[in-house]
Amino acid sequence: INDMDNAAEWPRAPVGIISVHPGEGRSTVTANLATTRMMKGQSVLLIDADLRAGAGARPDELLGFDTPSIGLYDHLVNGQKLKRETGREQISFVAAAGGDLPDDRGLITLGATDLAGLIATLGERVFRLVDLPPVEQLELSLELAGQLGQVVIVVRAGLTRRAELKDCVTQLQKRGIECVGTVVIDVEPARLSTADLIPKPDFSRLAGIFKRKKSHA
C-alpha cells in the first residue's frame, strides 16, 4: 500500500482493481486494500462495479457487511436512487446489487455510464477502490479502467501466463491507463523462498498454511 501511495494519484483519483481472468482474487485484494487503509486511520469508499451474475464472493461480503437494499445494478437498471452504505466508521461502500444479481444487464448498462462521474458524486475526499470485472472477453473492463485512469492488476500464480499479463499491460498503456501496482497471490512458498527479497522473510509458517489450503481443495 505504501508503494501505491508513491505511484498513484491518491486520494484525488479512484483506483480500479482488475485481472486478466475471472477468479484471480480481485475482490479479496480490494477488501484487503480497504482494510489496510482503515488500519492507517484513513477513510475508504469501496465500489463493487463487477456486475456479472454469479461473480463469486463480493468485497462487502468479505468485510462482513450486511447486504444493502440498493446497489449499482438496481440504480442503473431499475432507476432506484443510489446511496452509500456505511459499514463501519472509516468505510462506506456501494454494492453491486441489493441481493444476488439476476443477470448481466447491469454490466451492459454500466458500459454506457460515466462511471468516473458517478463515483465523483459519492465522495472525493476519501480513498476510492473500484472492483472491476476481469479483462478476459470483456472490453468493457478496459473502458471502465480508462475512465478511472489507474489500476492495480491482480494475478493468481499458475492461472495468468506472463504473456497474458504483458498483453494486458500493453492494452492499458494504449488507453493511457497507468498500472500503479501488481498483486500476485497464491505463490508457492518454495518459489518465494528463492526470490530476491529484502529483508528475507521466514516462509515456514506460510508453507504450512499453503499445504493445508491445498489439502482442502
C-alpha atoms as a PDB file:
ATOM      1  CA  ILE A   1       0.000   0.000   0.000  1.00  0.00           C
ATOM      2  CA  ASN A   2       2.947   2.324   0.641  1.00  0.00           C
ATOM      3  CA  ASP A   3       4.281   1.626  -2.858  1.00  0.00           C
ATOM      4  CA  MET A   4       0.849   2.508  -4.254  1.00  0.00           C
ATOM      5  CA  ASP A   5       0.937   5.815  -2.404  1.00  0.00           C
ATOM      6  CA  ASN A   6       4.084   6.688  -4.309  1.00  0.00           C
ATOM      7  CA  ALA A   7       2.706   5.575  -7.699  1.00  0.00           C
ATOM      8  CA  ALA A   8      -0.981   6.534  -7.597  1.00  0.00           C
ATOM      9  CA  GLU A   9      -2.798   9.855  -7.532  1.00  0.00           C
ATOM     10  CA  TRP A  10      -4.496   9.113  -4.236  1.00  0.00           C
ATOM     11  CA  PRO A  11      -6.902  10.176  -2.987  1.00  0.00           C
ATOM     12  CA  ARG A  12      -7.659  12.511  -5.890  1.00  0.00           C
ATOM     13  CA  ALA A  13      -8.440   9.708  -8.346  1.00  0.00           C
ATOM     14  CA  PRO A  14     -10.049   6.295  -7.723  1.00  0.00           C
ATOM     15  CA  VAL A  15      -8.099   3.090  -8.343  1.00  0.00           C
ATOM     16  CA  GLY A  16      -9.623   0.191 -10.268  1.00  0.00           C
ATOM     17  CA  ILE A  17      -8.782  -3.395  -9.322  1.00  0.00           C
ATOM     18  CA  ILE A  18      -8.673  -5.661 -12.390  1.00  0.00           C
ATOM     19  CA  SER A  19      -7.360  -9.045 -13.511  1.00  0.00           C
ATOM     20  CA  VAL A  20      -6.940 -10.879 -16.781  1.00  0.00           C
ATOM     21  CA  HIS A  21      -9.127 -13.878 -15.885  1.00  0.00           C
ATOM     22  CA  PRO A  22     -12.120 -14.400 -13.585  1.00  0.00           C
ATOM     23  CA  GLY A  23     -11.385 -15.953 -10.206  1.00  0.00           C
ATOM     24  CA  GLU A  24      -7.996 -14.329  -9.660  1.00  0.00           C
ATOM     25  CA  GLY A  25      -8.840 -12.704  -6.333  1.00  0.00           C
ATOM     26  CA  ARG A  26      -9.796  -9.127  -7.242  1.00  0.00           C
ATOM     27  CA  SER A  27     -12.459  -8.868  -4.536  1.00  0.00           C
ATOM     28  CA  THR A  28     -10.108 -10.310  -1.915  1.00  0.00           C
ATOM     29  CA  VAL A  29      -7.362  -7.836  -2.816  1.00  0.00           C
ATOM     30  CA  THR A  30      -9.863  -4.956  -2.875  1.00  0.00           C
ATOM     31  CA  ALA A  31     -11.086  -5.889   0.607  1.00  0.00           C
ATOM     32  CA  ASN A  32      -7.508  -6.188   1.873  1.00  0.00           C
ATOM     33  CA  LEU A  33      -6.513  -2.808   0.423  1.00  0.00           C
ATOM     34  CA  ALA A  34      -9.546  -1.234   2.073  1.00  0.00           C
ATOM     35  CA  THR A  35      -8.633  -2.864   5.387  1.00  0.00           C
ATOM     36  CA  THR A  36      -5.059  -1.580   5.117  1.00  0.00           C
ATOM     37  CA  ARG A  37      -6.343   1.948   4.584  1.00  0.00           C
ATOM     38  CA  MET A  38      -8.534   1.683   7.679  1.00  0.00           C
ATOM     39  CA  MET A  39      -5.562   0.396   9.698  1.00  0.00           C
ATOM     40  CA  LYS A  40      -3.823   3.638   8.727  1.00  0.00           C
ATOM     41  CA  GLY A  41      -6.776   5.599  10.081  1.00  0.00           C
ATOM     42  CA  GLN A  42      -7.932   6.685   6.611  1.00  0.00           C
ATOM     43  CA  SER A  43     -11.439   6.755   5.141  1.00  0.00           C
ATOM     44  CA  VAL A  44     -12.346   4.455   2.251  1.00  0.00           C
ATOM     45  CA  LEU A  45     -15.135   4.259  -0.303  1.00  0.00           C
ATOM     46  CA  LEU A  46     -15.338   0.764  -1.800  1.00  0.00           C
ATOM     47  CA  ILE A  47     -17.345   0.298  -5.015  1.00  0.00           C
ATOM     48  CA  ASP A  48     -18.260  -3.093  -6.458  1.00  0.00           C
ATOM     49  CA  ALA A  49     -18.557  -2.468 -10.199  1.00  0.00           C
ATOM     50  CA  ASP A  50     -18.352  -6.140 -11.201  1.00  0.00           C
ATOM     51  CA  LEU A  51     -21.989  -6.528 -12.239  1.00  0.00           C
ATOM     52  CA  ARG A  52     -21.640 -10.066 -13.592  1.00  0.00           C
ATOM     53  CA  ALA A  53     -24.185 -12.548 -12.273  1.00  0.00           C
ATOM     54  CA  GLY A  54     -22.515 -15.361 -10.338  1.00  0.00           C
ATOM     55  CA  ALA A  55     -19.230 -13.485  -9.979  1.00  0.00           C
ATOM     56  CA  GLY A  56     -18.427 -15.074  -6.614  1.00  0.00           C
ATOM     57  CA  ALA A  57     -17.623 -13.506  -3.261  1.00  0.00           C
ATOM     58  CA  ARG A  58     -18.056  -9.743  -3.080  1.00  0.00           C
ATOM     59  CA  PRO A  59     -15.799  -7.250  -1.255  1.00  0.00           C
ATOM     60  CA  ASP A  60     -18.570  -6.249   1.158  1.00  0.00           C
ATOM     61  CA  GLU A  61     -19.210  -9.921   1.971  1.00  0.00           C
ATOM     62  CA  LEU A  62     -15.511 -10.468   2.673  1.00  0.00           C
ATOM     63  CA  LEU A  63     -15.544  -7.471   5.021  1.00  0.00           C
ATOM     64  CA  GLY A  64     -18.649  -8.755   6.813  1.00  0.00           C
ATOM     65  CA  PHE A  65     -21.087  -6.010   5.808  1.00  0.00           C
ATOM     66  CA  ASP A  66     -24.833  -6.507   5.592  1.00  0.00           C
ATOM     67  CA  THR A  67     -26.217  -6.743   2.052  1.00  0.00           C
ATOM     68  CA  PRO A  68     -27.738  -3.349   1.130  1.00  0.00           C
ATOM     69  CA  SER A  69     -31.186  -2.952  -0.413  1.00  0.00           C
ATOM     70  CA  ILE A  70     -29.849  -0.970  -3.392  1.00  0.00           C
ATOM     71  CA  GLY A  71     -26.679  -1.361  -5.441  1.00  0.00           C
ATOM     72  CA  LEU A  72     -25.293  -0.262  -8.804  1.00  0.00           C
ATOM     73  CA  TYR A  73     -27.456  -2.806 -10.626  1.00  0.00           C
ATOM     74  CA  ASP A  74     -30.667  -1.548  -9.019  1.00  0.00           C
ATOM     75  CA  HIS A  75     -29.673   2.043  -9.739  1.00  0.00           C
ATOM     76  CA  LEU A  76     -28.705   1.524 -13.386  1.00  0.00           C
ATOM     77  CA  VAL A  77     -31.365  -0.993 -14.443  1.00  0.00           C
ATOM     78  CA  ASN A  78     -34.322  -0.085 -12.254  1.00  0.00           C
ATOM     79  CA  GLY A  79     -33.634   3.610 -11.639  1.00  0.00           C
ATOM     80  CA  GLN A  80     -33.524   3.320  -7.855  1.00  0.00           C
ATOM     81  CA  LYS A  81     -31.677   6.090  -6.033  1.00  0.00           C
ATOM     82  CA  LEU A  82     -28.100   5.070  -5.332  1.00  0.00           C
ATOM     83  CA  LYS A  83     -26.671   5.632  -1.883  1.00  0.00           C
ATOM     84  CA  ARG A  84     -23.534   4.861   0.041  1.00  0.00           C
ATOM     85  CA  GLU A  85     -23.887   2.221   2.715  1.00  0.00           C
ATOM     86  CA  THR A  86     -21.948   2.840   5.914  1.00  0.00           C
ATOM     87  CA  GLY A  87     -20.327  -0.336   7.119  1.00  0.00           C
ATOM     88  CA  ARG A  88     -18.005   0.965   9.822  1.00  0.00           C
ATOM     89  CA  GLU A  89     -16.725   4.302  10.969  1.00  0.00           C
ATOM     90  CA  GLN A  90     -13.966   4.598   8.363  1.00  0.00           C
ATOM     91  CA  ILE A  91     -15.506   2.812   5.390  1.00  0.00           C
ATOM     92  CA  SER A  92     -18.570   3.073   3.197  1.00  0.00           C
ATOM     93  CA  PHE A  93     -19.385   1.061   0.126  1.00  0.00           C
ATOM     94  CA  VAL A  94     -21.561   0.765  -2.942  1.00  0.00           C
ATOM     95  CA  ALA A  95     -22.533  -2.831  -3.580  1.00  0.00           C
ATOM     96  CA  ALA A  96     -23.043  -4.425  -6.976  1.00  0.00           C
ATOM     97  CA  ALA A  97     -26.704  -5.050  -6.171  1.00  0.00           C
ATOM     98  CA  GLY A  98     -29.204  -5.292  -3.367  1.00  0.00           C
ATOM     99  CA  GLY A  99     -29.040  -9.081  -3.248  1.00  0.00           C
ATOM    100  CA  ASP A 100     -27.941 -11.549  -5.911  1.00  0.00           C
ATOM    101  CA  LEU A 101     -27.557 -10.317  -9.482  1.00  0.00           C
ATOM    102  CA  PRO A 102     -30.207 -11.997 -11.668  1.00  0.00           C
ATOM    103  CA  ASP A 103     -28.408 -11.382 -14.983  1.00  0.00           C
ATOM    104  CA  ASP A 104     -25.702  -9.319 -16.704  1.00  0.00           C
ATOM    105  CA  ARG A 105     -27.928  -6.430 -17.777  1.00  0.00           C
ATOM    106  CA  GLY A 106     -26.349  -4.175 -15.197  1.00  0.00           C
ATOM    107  CA  LEU A 107     -22.914  -4.790 -16.672  1.00  0.00           C
ATOM    108  CA  ILE A 108     -24.149  -3.841 -20.137  1.00  0.00           C
ATOM    109  CA  THR A 109     -25.830  -0.704 -18.797  1.00  0.00           C
ATOM    110  CA  LEU A 110     -22.695   0.216 -16.870  1.00  0.00           C
ATOM    111  CA  GLY A 111     -20.827   0.394 -20.170  1.00  0.00           C
ATOM    112  CA  ALA A 112     -22.966   3.369 -21.180  1.00  0.00           C
ATOM    113  CA  THR A 113     -22.499   5.118 -17.847  1.00  0.00           C
ATOM    114  CA  ASP A 114     -19.966   7.735 -16.818  1.00  0.00           C
ATOM    115  CA  LEU A 115     -18.524   5.638 -14.015  1.00  0.00           C
ATOM    116  CA  ALA A 116     -15.932   8.239 -13.050  1.00  0.00           C
ATOM    117  CA  GLY A 117     -18.617  10.927 -12.855  1.00  0.00           C
ATOM    118  CA  LEU A 118     -20.871   8.672 -10.798  1.00  0.00           C
ATOM    119  CA  ILE A 119     -18.058   7.929  -8.351  1.00  0.00           C
ATOM    120  CA  ALA A 120     -17.279  11.652  -8.023  1.00  0.00           C
ATOM    121  CA  THR A 121     -20.803  12.273  -6.706  1.00  0.00           C
ATOM    122  CA  LEU A 122     -20.238   9.714  -3.942  1.00  0.00           C
ATOM    123  CA  GLY A 123     -17.255  11.431  -2.370  1.00  0.00           C
ATOM    124  CA  GLU A 124     -13.914  12.847  -3.407  1.00  0.00           C
ATOM    125  CA  ARG A 125     -12.011  13.258  -0.143  1.00  0.00           C
ATOM    126  CA  VAL A 126     -11.637   9.542   0.571  1.00  0.00           C
ATOM    127  CA  PHE A 127      -9.603   6.695  -0.893  1.00  0.00           C
ATOM    128  CA  ARG A 128     -11.811   5.120  -3.548  1.00  0.00           C
ATOM    129  CA  LEU A 129     -11.333   1.498  -4.601  1.00  0.00           C
ATOM    130  CA  VAL A 130     -13.337   0.100  -7.515  1.00  0.00           C
ATOM    131  CA  ASP A 131     -13.651  -3.666  -8.023  1.00  0.00           C
ATOM    132  CA  LEU A 132     -13.877  -4.033 -11.831  1.00  0.00           C
ATOM    133  CA  PRO A 133     -14.789  -7.072 -13.980  1.00  0.00           C
ATOM    134  CA  PRO A 134     -11.975  -9.205 -15.444  1.00  0.00           C
ATOM    135  CA  VAL A 135     -10.440  -8.128 -18.743  1.00  0.00           C
ATOM    136  CA  GLU A 136     -10.810 -11.520 -20.462  1.00  0.00           C
ATOM    137  CA  GLN A 137     -13.553 -11.303 -23.135  1.00  0.00           C
ATOM    138  CA  LEU A 138     -14.750  -8.030 -21.600  1.00  0.00           C
ATOM    139  CA  GLU A 139     -13.609  -4.928 -23.468  1.00  0.00           C
ATOM    140  CA  LEU A 140     -15.916  -3.086 -21.098  1.00  0.00           C
ATOM    141  CA  SER A 141     -13.481  -3.627 -18.232  1.00  0.00           C
ATOM    142  CA  LEU A 142     -10.736  -1.743 -20.091  1.00  0.00           C
ATOM    143  CA  GLU A 143     -13.191   1.043 -20.930  1.00  0.00           C
ATOM    144  CA  LEU A 144     -14.138   1.419 -17.262  1.00  0.00           C
ATOM    145  CA  ALA A 145     -10.475   1.314 -16.243  1.00  0.00           C
ATOM    146  CA  GLY A 146      -9.835   4.067 -18.789  1.00  0.00           C
ATOM    147  CA  GLN A 147     -12.376   6.289 -17.044  1.00  0.00           C
ATOM    148  CA  LEU A 148     -10.570   5.815 -13.740  1.00  0.00           C
ATOM    149  CA  GLY A 149      -7.099   6.252 -15.225  1.00  0.00           C
ATOM    150  CA  GLN A 150      -5.199   3.993 -12.824  1.00  0.00           C
ATOM    151  CA  VAL A 151      -5.435   0.344 -11.842  1.00  0.00           C
ATOM    152  CA  VAL A 152      -3.934  -2.435  -9.786  1.00  0.00           C
ATOM    153  CA  ILE A 153      -3.663  -5.785 -11.585  1.00  0.00           C
ATOM    154  CA  VAL A 154      -4.328  -8.945  -9.571  1.00  0.00           C
ATOM    155  CA  VAL A 155      -2.542 -12.093 -10.754  1.00  0.00           C
ATOM    156  CA  ARG A 156      -3.123 -15.589  -9.376  1.00  0.00           C
ATOM    157  CA  ALA A 157       0.037 -17.666  -9.701  1.00  0.00           C
ATOM    158  CA  GLY A 158      -0.469 -20.571 -12.079  1.00  0.00           C
ATOM    159  CA  LEU A 159      -3.511 -19.017 -13.776  1.00  0.00           C
ATOM    160  CA  THR A 160      -2.307 -15.951 -15.669  1.00  0.00           C
ATOM    161  CA  ARG A 161       0.591 -16.524 -18.014  1.00  0.00           C
ATOM    162  CA  ARG A 162       3.351 -13.961 -18.318  1.00  0.00           C
ATOM    163  CA  ALA A 163       2.458 -13.250 -21.952  1.00  0.00           C
ATOM    164  CA  GLU A 164      -1.164 -12.578 -20.972  1.00  0.00           C
ATOM    165  CA  LEU A 165      -0.097 -10.166 -18.245  1.00  0.00           C
ATOM    166  CA  LYS A 166       2.237  -8.393 -20.660  1.00  0.00           C
ATOM    167  CA  ASP A 167      -0.564  -8.068 -23.222  1.00  0.00           C
ATOM    168  CA  CYS A 168      -2.909  -6.691 -20.545  1.00  0.00           C
ATOM    169  CA  VAL A 169      -0.360  -4.011 -19.563  1.00  0.00           C
ATOM    170  CA  THR A 170       0.121  -3.136 -23.237  1.00  0.00           C
ATOM    171  CA  GLN A 171      -3.642  -2.670 -23.664  1.00  0.00           C
ATOM    172  CA  LEU A 172      -3.725  -0.454 -20.575  1.00  0.00           C
ATOM    173  CA  GLN A 173      -0.860   1.683 -21.832  1.00  0.00           C
ATOM    174  CA  LYS A 174      -2.531   2.146 -25.235  1.00  0.00           C
ATOM    175  CA  ARG A 175      -5.502   3.669 -23.425  1.00  0.00           C
ATOM    176  CA  GLY A 176      -3.369   5.879 -21.206  1.00  0.00           C
ATOM    177  CA  ILE A 177      -4.211   3.831 -18.108  1.00  0.00           C
ATOM    178  CA  GLU A 178      -1.469   3.703 -15.502  1.00  0.00           C
ATOM    179  CA  CYS A 179      -0.756   0.432 -13.704  1.00  0.00           C
ATOM    180  CA  VAL A 180       0.165   1.567 -10.203  1.00  0.00           C
ATOM    181  CA  GLY A 181       0.764  -1.938  -8.875  1.00  0.00           C
ATOM    182  CA  THR A 182       0.535  -5.672  -9.431  1.00  0.00           C
ATOM    183  CA  VAL A 183      -0.503  -8.065  -6.675  1.00  0.00           C
ATOM    184  CA  VAL A 184       0.457 -11.726  -7.140  1.00  0.00           C
ATOM    185  CA  ILE A 185      -1.361 -14.225  -4.924  1.00  0.00           C
ATOM    186  CA  ASP A 186      -1.100 -17.975  -4.233  1.00  0.00           C
ATOM    187  CA  VAL A 187       2.602 -18.143  -4.999  1.00  0.00           C
ATOM    188  CA  GLU A 188       4.199 -21.452  -3.966  1.00  0.00           C
ATOM    189  CA  PRO A 189       6.309 -20.872  -0.808  1.00  0.00           C
ATOM    190  CA  ALA A 190       9.191 -22.749  -2.465  1.00  0.00           C
ATOM    191  CA  ARG A 191       9.310 -20.113  -5.192  1.00  0.00           C
ATOM    192  CA  LEU A 192       9.085 -17.268  -2.684  1.00  0.00           C
ATOM    193  CA  SER A 193      11.988 -18.645  -0.664  1.00  0.00           C
ATOM    194  CA  THR A 194      14.310 -18.305  -3.674  1.00  0.00           C
ATOM    195  CA  ALA A 195      13.139 -14.789  -4.569  1.00  0.00           C
ATOM    196  CA  ASP A 196      15.499 -11.871  -4.068  1.00  0.00           C
ATOM    197  CA  LEU A 197      13.572 -10.186  -1.249  1.00  0.00           C
ATOM    198  CA  ILE A 198      14.984  -7.704   1.246  1.00  0.00           C
ATOM    199  CA  PRO A 199      14.643  -8.305   4.143  1.00  0.00           C
ATOM    200  CA  LYS A 200      14.432 -12.071   3.730  1.00  0.00           C
ATOM    201  CA  PRO A 201      11.184 -13.243   5.384  1.00  0.00           C
ATOM    202  CA  ASP A 202      10.581 -16.571   7.122  1.00  0.00           C
ATOM    203  CA  PHE A 203       8.271 -18.645   4.907  1.00  0.00           C
ATOM    204  CA  SER A 204       7.945 -21.656   7.228  1.00  0.00           C
ATOM    205  CA  ARG A 205       4.517 -20.602   8.565  1.00  0.00           C
ATOM    206  CA  LEU A 206       3.338 -19.677   5.084  1.00  0.00           C
ATOM    207  CA  ALA A 207       4.360 -23.106   3.776  1.00  0.00           C
ATOM    208  CA  GLY A 208       2.190 -24.760   6.419  1.00  0.00           C
ATOM    209  CA  ILE A 209      -0.815 -22.602   5.535  1.00  0.00           C
ATOM    210  CA  PHE A 210      -0.340 -23.298   1.833  1.00  0.00           C
ATOM    211  CA  LYS A 211      -0.123 -27.063   2.482  1.00  0.00           C
ATOM    212  CA  ARG A 212      -3.370 -27.058   4.486  1.00  0.00           C
ATOM    213  CA  LYS A 213      -5.070 -24.965   1.799  1.00  0.00           C
ATOM    214  CA  LYS A 214      -4.150 -27.453  -0.947  1.00  0.00           C
ATOM    215  CA  SER A 215      -5.353 -30.403   1.162  1.00  0.00           C
ATOM    216  CA  HIS A 216      -8.831 -28.804   1.391  1.00  0.00           C
ATOM    217  CA  ALA A 217      -9.051 -28.027  -2.346  1.00  0.00           C
END
